[in-house]
Amino acid sequence: MPALPKRNPARRNRSATAATLSAVHDVAAPELPAGRAWHEQTVAWWADIWASPMAPEFDPSDLHGLLALAALVDDFWNADTARERAALAGEIRLQRQCFGLSPIDRRRLQWEIERTDEAVDKGRRRRAADPVPSPPPGPDDDPRALLHAVT
């Protein structure tokens, strides 16, 4: 026979990884390792990763995995054939999941990006804009004028 349910159901199924990520942070991007001519797309990707709201969540031990992922991304951009790029794209996709780098991965980790400033600004702009009043309807615009009594 199954056990009785817990007294406080709010404590069940709580995620340990749930977090709200702030878009503003002070995490500096580490340098890509020297000794390799990094593709410009890889350098841009690396800067984007460390400027993203996920950067504060990365543990120092994650740096090794991110560097391995950077090498895969660089190999992708430097690949000569579509077959090589396809194989690398699959591995990149798998590695990206570990770091919450796509919207679906963030959803799986229950990471939400804080968007309060954007929503507040949009609401202020909407309220500040004067609505354009519609002209009052003329006597010929009344659809009821077409109705006739039937006896």
N, C-alpha and C. Protein backbone atom coordinates (compact mmCIF):
# COMPACT_ATOMS: atom_id res chain seq x y z
N MET A 1 0.85 -1.18 0.00
CA MET A 1 0.00 0.00 0.00
C MET A 1 0.89 1.24 0.00
N PRO A 2 0.59 2.24 -0.85
CA PRO A 2 1.43 3.44 -0.91
C PRO A 2 1.32 4.26 0.37
N ALA A 3 2.37 5.00 0.63
CA ALA A 3 2.40 5.84 1.82
C ALA A 3 1.41 6.99 1.68
N LEU A 4 1.03 7.52 2.82
CA LEU A 4 0.14 8.67 2.82
C LEU A 4 0.87 9.88 2.24
N PRO A 5 0.12 10.80 1.61
CA PRO A 5 0.78 11.99 1.07
C PRO A 5 1.38 12.85 2.18
N LYS A 6 2.40 13.60 1.81
CA LYS A 6 3.04 14.48 2.80
C LYS A 6 2.05 15.54 3.25
N ARG A 7 2.24 16.02 4.47
CA ARG A 7 1.33 17.02 5.03
C ARG A 7 1.42 18.35 4.28
N ASN A 8 2.60 18.70 3.84
CA ASN A 8 2.78 19.97 3.16
C ASN A 8 3.10 19.71 1.69
N PRO A 9 2.09 19.70 0.83
CA PRO A 9 2.34 19.36 -0.57
C PRO A 9 3.20 20.39 -1.30
N ALA A 10 3.33 21.59 -0.78
CA ALA A 10 4.14 22.62 -1.44
C ALA A 10 5.61 22.24 -1.45
N ARG A 11 6.02 21.35 -0.59
CA ARG A 11 7.43 20.98 -0.51
C ARG A 11 7.80 19.87 -1.48
N ARG A 12 6.83 19.24 -2.10
CA ARG A 12 7.12 18.17 -3.04
C ARG A 12 7.48 18.72 -4.40
N ASN A 13 8.31 18.01 -5.12
CA ASN A 13 8.68 18.32 -6.50
C ASN A 13 9.30 19.70 -6.66
N ARG A 14 9.96 20.17 -5.65
CA ARG A 14 10.64 21.46 -5.76
C ARG A 14 11.96 21.25 -6.49
N SER A 15 12.22 22.12 -7.45
CA SER A 15 13.44 21.99 -8.24
C SER A 15 14.61 22.61 -7.51
N ALA A 16 15.74 21.91 -7.55
CA ALA A 16 16.95 22.45 -6.92
C ALA A 16 17.66 23.43 -7.84
N THR A 17 17.33 23.42 -9.14
CA THR A 17 18.04 24.29 -10.08
C THR A 17 17.25 25.53 -10.45
N ALA A 18 16.03 25.68 -9.96
CA ALA A 18 15.22 26.83 -10.34
C ALA A 18 15.91 28.12 -9.92
N ALA A 19 15.98 29.08 -10.86
CA ALA A 19 16.62 30.36 -10.57
C ALA A 19 16.10 31.41 -11.53
N THR A 20 16.10 32.65 -11.07
CA THR A 20 15.81 33.79 -11.93
C THR A 20 17.12 34.49 -12.20
N LEU A 21 17.49 34.57 -13.46
CA LEU A 21 18.79 35.10 -13.84
C LEU A 21 18.67 36.57 -14.19
N SER A 22 19.55 37.36 -13.64
CA SER A 22 19.57 38.79 -13.91
C SER A 22 20.39 39.07 -15.17
N ALA A 23 19.88 39.94 -16.02
CA ALA A 23 20.61 40.28 -17.24
C ALA A 23 21.83 41.15 -16.94
N VAL A 24 21.86 41.77 -15.77
CA VAL A 24 22.98 42.63 -15.39
C VAL A 24 23.87 41.86 -14.41
N HIS A 25 25.14 41.72 -14.75
CA HIS A 25 26.08 41.03 -13.86
C HIS A 25 27.47 41.57 -14.12
N ASP A 26 28.40 41.17 -13.27
CA ASP A 26 29.77 41.67 -13.40
C ASP A 26 30.77 40.55 -13.68
N VAL A 27 30.33 39.49 -14.33
CA VAL A 27 31.21 38.37 -14.64
C VAL A 27 32.05 38.73 -15.87
N ALA A 28 33.35 38.66 -15.72
CA ALA A 28 34.26 38.96 -16.84
C ALA A 28 34.52 37.68 -17.63
N ALA A 29 34.59 37.82 -18.93
CA ALA A 29 34.85 36.66 -19.79
C ALA A 29 36.32 36.28 -19.69
N PRO A 30 36.61 35.01 -19.39
CA PRO A 30 38.00 34.57 -19.42
C PRO A 30 38.51 34.56 -20.86
N GLU A 31 39.80 34.66 -21.00
CA GLU A 31 40.40 34.66 -22.33
C GLU A 31 40.37 33.25 -22.92
N LEU A 32 40.17 33.19 -24.22
CA LEU A 32 40.31 31.91 -24.90
C LEU A 32 41.80 31.55 -24.89
N PRO A 33 42.12 30.27 -24.79
CA PRO A 33 43.53 29.86 -24.70
C PRO A 33 44.35 30.33 -25.91
N ALA A 34 45.57 30.72 -25.62
CA ALA A 34 46.50 31.12 -26.69
C ALA A 34 46.99 29.87 -27.41
N GLY A 35 47.63 30.06 -28.54
CA GLY A 35 48.18 28.93 -29.27
C GLY A 35 47.25 28.42 -30.36
N ARG A 36 46.14 29.09 -30.53
CA ARG A 36 45.19 28.69 -31.56
C ARG A 36 44.64 29.97 -32.19
N ALA A 37 44.52 29.98 -33.50
CA ALA A 37 43.93 31.13 -34.19
C ALA A 37 42.41 30.92 -34.17
N TRP A 38 41.73 31.58 -33.25
CA TRP A 38 40.29 31.39 -33.07
C TRP A 38 39.53 32.10 -34.18
N HIS A 39 38.53 31.44 -34.73
CA HIS A 39 37.67 32.00 -35.77
C HIS A 39 36.90 33.18 -35.16
N GLU A 40 36.62 34.19 -35.97
CA GLU A 40 35.95 35.39 -35.44
C GLU A 40 34.55 35.07 -34.91
N GLN A 41 33.86 34.10 -35.50
CA GLN A 41 32.55 33.69 -34.99
C GLN A 41 32.68 33.02 -33.62
N THR A 42 33.75 32.29 -33.41
CA THR A 42 33.98 31.66 -32.11
C THR A 42 34.25 32.72 -31.05
N VAL A 43 35.05 33.72 -31.40
CA VAL A 43 35.35 34.80 -30.45
C VAL A 43 34.07 35.55 -30.10
N ALA A 44 33.21 35.81 -31.08
CA ALA A 44 31.93 36.49 -30.83
C ALA A 44 31.03 35.61 -29.96
N TRP A 45 30.99 34.31 -30.24
CA TRP A 45 30.19 33.38 -29.44
C TRP A 45 30.67 33.37 -27.99
N TRP A 46 31.98 33.33 -27.79
CA TRP A 46 32.57 33.31 -26.45
C TRP A 46 32.18 34.58 -25.68
N ALA A 47 32.25 35.72 -26.34
CA ALA A 47 31.86 36.98 -25.69
C ALA A 47 30.37 36.97 -25.35
N ASP A 48 29.54 36.44 -26.24
CA ASP A 48 28.09 36.36 -25.98
C ASP A 48 27.78 35.46 -24.79
N ILE A 49 28.48 34.33 -24.69
CA ILE A 49 28.25 33.40 -23.58
C ILE A 49 28.50 34.09 -22.25
N TRP A 50 29.60 34.81 -22.18
CA TRP A 50 29.98 35.43 -20.91
C TRP A 50 29.24 36.74 -20.64
N ALA A 51 28.58 37.31 -21.64
CA ALA A 51 27.76 38.50 -21.44
C ALA A 51 26.31 38.12 -21.15
N SER A 52 25.98 36.85 -21.31
CA SER A 52 24.60 36.39 -21.14
C SER A 52 24.23 36.30 -19.66
N PRO A 53 22.93 36.26 -19.36
CA PRO A 53 22.48 36.11 -17.98
C PRO A 53 22.89 34.78 -17.34
N MET A 54 23.31 33.80 -18.13
CA MET A 54 23.70 32.51 -17.57
C MET A 54 25.10 32.54 -16.97
N ALA A 55 25.91 33.53 -17.33
CA ALA A 55 27.31 33.57 -16.90
C ALA A 55 27.50 33.47 -15.38
N PRO A 56 26.69 34.15 -14.55
CA PRO A 56 26.90 34.01 -13.10
C PRO A 56 26.63 32.60 -12.58
N GLU A 57 25.88 31.81 -13.33
CA GLU A 57 25.57 30.45 -12.89
C GLU A 57 26.73 29.48 -13.15
N PHE A 58 27.65 29.87 -14.02
CA PHE A 58 28.76 28.97 -14.34
C PHE A 58 29.72 28.90 -13.16
N ASP A 59 30.01 27.68 -12.76
CA ASP A 59 30.95 27.41 -11.68
C ASP A 59 32.36 27.43 -12.28
N PRO A 60 33.39 27.73 -11.49
CA PRO A 60 34.75 27.68 -12.06
C PRO A 60 35.09 26.34 -12.70
N SER A 61 34.51 25.27 -12.20
CA SER A 61 34.78 23.97 -12.82
C SER A 61 34.11 23.83 -14.18
N ASP A 62 33.13 24.68 -14.49
CA ASP A 62 32.48 24.65 -15.79
C ASP A 62 33.37 25.21 -16.89
N LEU A 63 34.39 25.95 -16.52
CA LEU A 63 35.25 26.59 -17.51
C LEU A 63 35.89 25.56 -18.45
N HIS A 64 36.28 24.41 -17.91
CA HIS A 64 36.90 23.38 -18.75
C HIS A 64 35.92 22.87 -19.81
N GLY A 65 34.68 22.65 -19.41
CA GLY A 65 33.68 22.20 -20.37
C GLY A 65 33.36 23.27 -21.40
N LEU A 66 33.31 24.53 -20.95
CA LEU A 66 33.05 25.62 -21.89
C LEU A 66 34.20 25.80 -22.87
N LEU A 67 35.42 25.59 -22.41
CA LEU A 67 36.57 25.67 -23.32
C LEU A 67 36.54 24.54 -24.34
N ALA A 68 36.15 23.35 -23.91
CA ALA A 68 36.01 22.23 -24.85
C ALA A 68 34.91 22.54 -25.86
N LEU A 69 33.82 23.14 -25.39
CA LEU A 69 32.74 23.53 -26.29
C LEU A 69 33.21 24.61 -27.26
N ALA A 70 34.03 25.55 -26.78
CA ALA A 70 34.58 26.59 -27.66
C ALA A 70 35.44 25.97 -28.76
N ALA A 71 36.21 24.95 -28.41
CA ALA A 71 37.03 24.26 -29.42
C ALA A 71 36.14 23.59 -30.47
N LEU A 72 35.02 22.99 -30.02
CA LEU A 72 34.09 22.37 -30.97
C LEU A 72 33.46 23.43 -31.88
N VAL A 73 33.07 24.55 -31.29
CA VAL A 73 32.48 25.64 -32.08
C VAL A 73 33.49 26.15 -33.10
N ASP A 74 34.74 26.29 -32.67
CA ASP A 74 35.78 26.75 -33.58
C ASP A 74 36.01 25.75 -34.71
N ASP A 75 36.02 24.47 -34.38
CA ASP A 75 36.16 23.44 -35.41
C ASP A 75 34.98 23.48 -36.38
N PHE A 76 33.79 23.76 -35.85
CA PHE A 76 32.60 23.88 -36.71
C PHE A 76 32.80 24.98 -37.74
N TRP A 77 33.25 26.15 -37.30
CA TRP A 77 33.42 27.27 -38.23
C TRP A 77 34.58 27.04 -39.19
N ASN A 78 35.55 26.24 -38.81
CA ASN A 78 36.71 25.98 -39.67
C ASN A 78 36.57 24.70 -40.49
N ALA A 79 35.46 23.98 -40.34
CA ALA A 79 35.27 22.71 -41.07
C ALA A 79 35.22 22.96 -42.57
N ASP A 80 35.74 22.00 -43.32
CA ASP A 80 35.80 22.12 -44.77
C ASP A 80 34.56 21.57 -45.47
N THR A 81 33.91 20.58 -44.86
CA THR A 81 32.78 19.94 -45.53
C THR A 81 31.52 20.04 -44.68
N ALA A 82 30.40 19.90 -45.36
CA ALA A 82 29.11 19.92 -44.66
C ALA A 82 28.98 18.72 -43.73
N ARG A 83 29.57 17.61 -44.10
CA ARG A 83 29.51 16.40 -43.27
C ARG A 83 30.23 16.64 -41.94
N GLU A 84 31.38 17.29 -41.99
CA GLU A 84 32.12 17.61 -40.76
C GLU A 84 31.31 18.57 -39.88
N ARG A 85 30.71 19.58 -40.52
CA ARG A 85 29.91 20.55 -39.76
C ARG A 85 28.70 19.88 -39.13
N ALA A 86 28.07 18.95 -39.84
CA ALA A 86 26.90 18.25 -39.31
C ALA A 86 27.27 17.42 -38.08
N ALA A 87 28.39 16.72 -38.16
CA ALA A 87 28.84 15.91 -37.02
C ALA A 87 29.16 16.81 -35.83
N LEU A 88 29.83 17.92 -36.08
CA LEU A 88 30.18 18.84 -35.00
C LEU A 88 28.94 19.52 -34.43
N ALA A 89 27.96 19.83 -35.28
CA ALA A 89 26.73 20.48 -34.80
C ALA A 89 26.00 19.59 -33.80
N GLY A 90 25.98 18.29 -34.06
CA GLY A 90 25.33 17.38 -33.11
C GLY A 90 26.03 17.36 -31.77
N GLU A 91 27.34 17.33 -31.78
CA GLU A 91 28.10 17.32 -30.52
C GLU A 91 27.96 18.66 -29.80
N ILE A 92 27.97 19.75 -30.56
CA ILE A 92 27.80 21.08 -29.95
C ILE A 92 26.44 21.16 -29.28
N ARG A 93 25.41 20.66 -29.94
CA ARG A 93 24.06 20.69 -29.36
C ARG A 93 24.02 19.94 -28.03
N LEU A 94 24.66 18.78 -27.98
CA LEU A 94 24.68 18.00 -26.74
C LEU A 94 25.43 18.73 -25.64
N GLN A 95 26.55 19.35 -25.98
CA GLN A 95 27.35 20.05 -24.97
C GLN A 95 26.66 21.33 -24.49
N ARG A 96 25.95 22.01 -25.39
CA ARG A 96 25.25 23.24 -25.00
C ARG A 96 24.19 22.97 -23.95
N GLN A 97 23.57 21.79 -24.01
CA GLN A 97 22.53 21.45 -23.05
C GLN A 97 23.04 21.48 -21.62
N CYS A 98 24.29 21.11 -21.45
CA CYS A 98 24.87 21.05 -20.10
C CYS A 98 24.98 22.42 -19.45
N PHE A 99 25.03 23.46 -20.26
CA PHE A 99 25.29 24.80 -19.73
C PHE A 99 24.09 25.73 -19.86
N GLY A 100 22.92 25.22 -20.27
CA GLY A 100 21.73 26.04 -20.37
C GLY A 100 21.83 27.13 -21.41
N LEU A 101 22.41 26.83 -22.56
CA LEU A 101 22.69 27.85 -23.56
C LEU A 101 21.58 28.04 -24.59
N SER A 102 20.51 27.29 -24.50
CA SER A 102 19.38 27.51 -25.41
C SER A 102 18.12 27.69 -24.56
N PRO A 103 17.08 28.29 -25.13
CA PRO A 103 15.85 28.50 -24.36
C PRO A 103 15.27 27.20 -23.80
N ILE A 104 15.33 26.13 -24.55
CA ILE A 104 14.78 24.86 -24.06
C ILE A 104 15.61 24.32 -22.90
N ASP A 105 16.93 24.48 -22.99
CA ASP A 105 17.80 24.02 -21.90
C ASP A 105 17.54 24.84 -20.64
N ARG A 106 17.34 26.14 -20.79
CA ARG A 106 17.03 26.97 -19.62
C ARG A 106 15.69 26.57 -19.03
N ARG A 107 14.74 26.20 -19.88
CA ARG A 107 13.43 25.75 -19.39
C ARG A 107 13.58 24.46 -18.60
N ARG A 108 14.41 23.55 -19.10
CA ARG A 108 14.64 22.27 -18.42
C ARG A 108 15.28 22.50 -17.06
N LEU A 109 16.21 23.45 -16.99
CA LEU A 109 16.88 23.78 -15.73
C LEU A 109 16.04 24.69 -14.85
N GLN A 110 14.91 25.15 -15.37
CA GLN A 110 14.02 26.08 -14.69
C GLN A 110 14.73 27.39 -14.39
N TRP A 111 15.48 27.87 -15.37
CA TRP A 111 16.13 29.17 -15.28
C TRP A 111 15.26 30.15 -16.05
N GLU A 112 14.90 31.25 -15.42
CA GLU A 112 14.16 32.31 -16.08
C GLU A 112 15.03 33.55 -16.12
N ILE A 113 14.97 34.27 -17.23
CA ILE A 113 15.72 35.51 -17.34
C ILE A 113 14.82 36.65 -16.90
N GLU A 114 15.32 37.44 -15.98
CA GLU A 114 14.55 38.55 -15.43
C GLU A 114 14.27 39.57 -16.53
N ARG A 115 13.02 39.90 -16.71
CA ARG A 115 12.63 40.84 -17.75
C ARG A 115 11.80 41.99 -17.18
N THR A 116 11.92 42.28 -15.93
CA THR A 116 11.07 43.29 -15.31
C THR A 116 11.34 44.68 -15.87
N ASP A 117 12.59 45.05 -16.08
CA ASP A 117 12.89 46.38 -16.59
C ASP A 117 12.30 46.58 -17.98
N GLU A 118 12.42 45.57 -18.81
CA GLU A 118 11.88 45.66 -20.16
C GLU A 118 10.36 45.82 -20.12
N ALA A 119 9.68 45.05 -19.28
CA ALA A 119 8.23 45.12 -19.19
C ALA A 119 7.78 46.47 -18.63
N VAL A 120 8.50 46.97 -17.63
CA VAL A 120 8.15 48.28 -17.05
C VAL A 120 8.32 49.37 -18.08
N ASP A 121 9.42 49.35 -18.83
CA ASP A 121 9.66 50.36 -19.86
C ASP A 121 8.59 50.30 -20.95
N LYS A 122 8.23 49.10 -21.37
CA LYS A 122 7.21 48.96 -22.41
C LYS A 122 5.87 49.51 -21.92
N GLY A 123 5.52 49.23 -20.66
CA GLY A 123 4.27 49.76 -20.10
C GLY A 123 4.28 51.27 -20.01
N ARG A 124 5.40 51.85 -19.62
CA ARG A 124 5.51 53.32 -19.56
C ARG A 124 5.33 53.93 -20.94
N ARG A 125 5.98 53.34 -21.94
CA ARG A 125 5.85 53.88 -23.29
C ARG A 125 4.41 53.78 -23.79
N ARG A 126 3.76 52.67 -23.48
CA ARG A 126 2.39 52.48 -23.92
C ARG A 126 1.45 53.49 -23.26
N ARG A 127 1.65 53.72 -21.96
CA ARG A 127 0.80 54.68 -21.25
C ARG A 127 1.10 56.12 -21.65
N ALA A 128 2.36 56.39 -22.01
CA ALA A 128 2.75 57.76 -22.37
C ALA A 128 2.24 58.14 -23.76
N ALA A 129 2.07 57.18 -24.61
CA ALA A 129 1.59 57.47 -25.96
C ALA A 129 0.12 57.86 -25.89
N ASP A 130 -0.19 59.00 -26.49
CA ASP A 130 -1.58 59.44 -26.53
C ASP A 130 -2.33 58.62 -27.57
N PRO A 131 -3.42 58.00 -27.18
CA PRO A 131 -4.18 57.24 -28.17
C PRO A 131 -4.82 58.21 -29.16
N VAL A 132 -4.83 57.83 -30.41
CA VAL A 132 -5.44 58.65 -31.44
C VAL A 132 -6.95 58.43 -31.36
N PRO A 133 -7.69 59.50 -31.06
CA PRO A 133 -9.15 59.30 -30.95
C PRO A 133 -9.75 59.05 -32.33
N SER A 134 -10.70 58.16 -32.37
CA SER A 134 -11.37 57.89 -33.64
C SER A 134 -12.44 58.97 -33.84
N PRO A 135 -12.66 59.35 -35.08
CA PRO A 135 -13.66 60.40 -35.32
C PRO A 135 -15.05 59.88 -34.97
N PRO A 136 -15.89 60.77 -34.49
CA PRO A 136 -17.25 60.32 -34.14
C PRO A 136 -17.99 59.86 -35.41
N PRO A 137 -18.80 58.84 -35.29
CA PRO A 137 -19.51 58.34 -36.47
C PRO A 137 -20.54 59.37 -36.94
N GLY A 138 -20.68 59.46 -38.24
CA GLY A 138 -21.68 60.36 -38.82
C GLY A 138 -23.04 59.70 -38.84
N PRO A 139 -24.06 60.46 -39.19
CA PRO A 139 -25.42 59.89 -39.20
C PRO A 139 -25.57 58.79 -40.26
N ASP A 140 -24.78 58.85 -41.32
CA ASP A 140 -24.88 57.82 -42.37
C ASP A 140 -24.14 56.54 -41.98
N ASP A 141 -23.33 56.59 -40.93
CA ASP A 141 -22.54 55.43 -40.53
C ASP A 141 -23.29 54.48 -39.61
N ASP A 142 -24.47 54.83 -39.18
CA ASP A 142 -25.21 54.00 -38.23
C ASP A 142 -25.81 52.81 -38.97
N PRO A 143 -25.39 51.58 -38.67
CA PRO A 143 -25.93 50.41 -39.38
C PRO A 143 -27.40 50.18 -39.10
N ARG A 144 -27.90 50.75 -38.02
CA ARG A 144 -29.32 50.55 -37.70
C ARG A 144 -30.23 51.31 -38.67
N ALA A 145 -29.65 52.30 -39.37
CA ALA A 145 -30.45 53.08 -40.31
C ALA A 145 -30.92 52.21 -41.47
N LEU A 146 -30.28 51.11 -41.73
CA LEU A 146 -30.67 50.22 -42.83
C LEU A 146 -31.85 49.31 -42.46
N LEU A 147 -32.15 49.22 -41.18
CA LEU A 147 -33.22 48.32 -40.73
C LEU A 147 -34.59 48.98 -40.95
N HIS A 148 -35.53 48.19 -41.36
CA HIS A 148 -36.90 48.67 -41.57
C HIS A 148 -37.83 47.76 -40.79
N ALA A 149 -38.88 48.33 -40.29
CA ALA A 149 -39.88 47.55 -39.56
C ALA A 149 -40.71 46.76 -40.57
N VAL A 150 -40.96 45.53 -40.28
CA VAL A 150 -41.76 44.66 -41.14
C VAL A 150 -43.07 44.42 -40.42
N THR A 151 -44.16 44.66 -41.09
CA THR A 151 -45.47 44.45 -40.47
C THR A 151 -46.22 43.33 -41.10
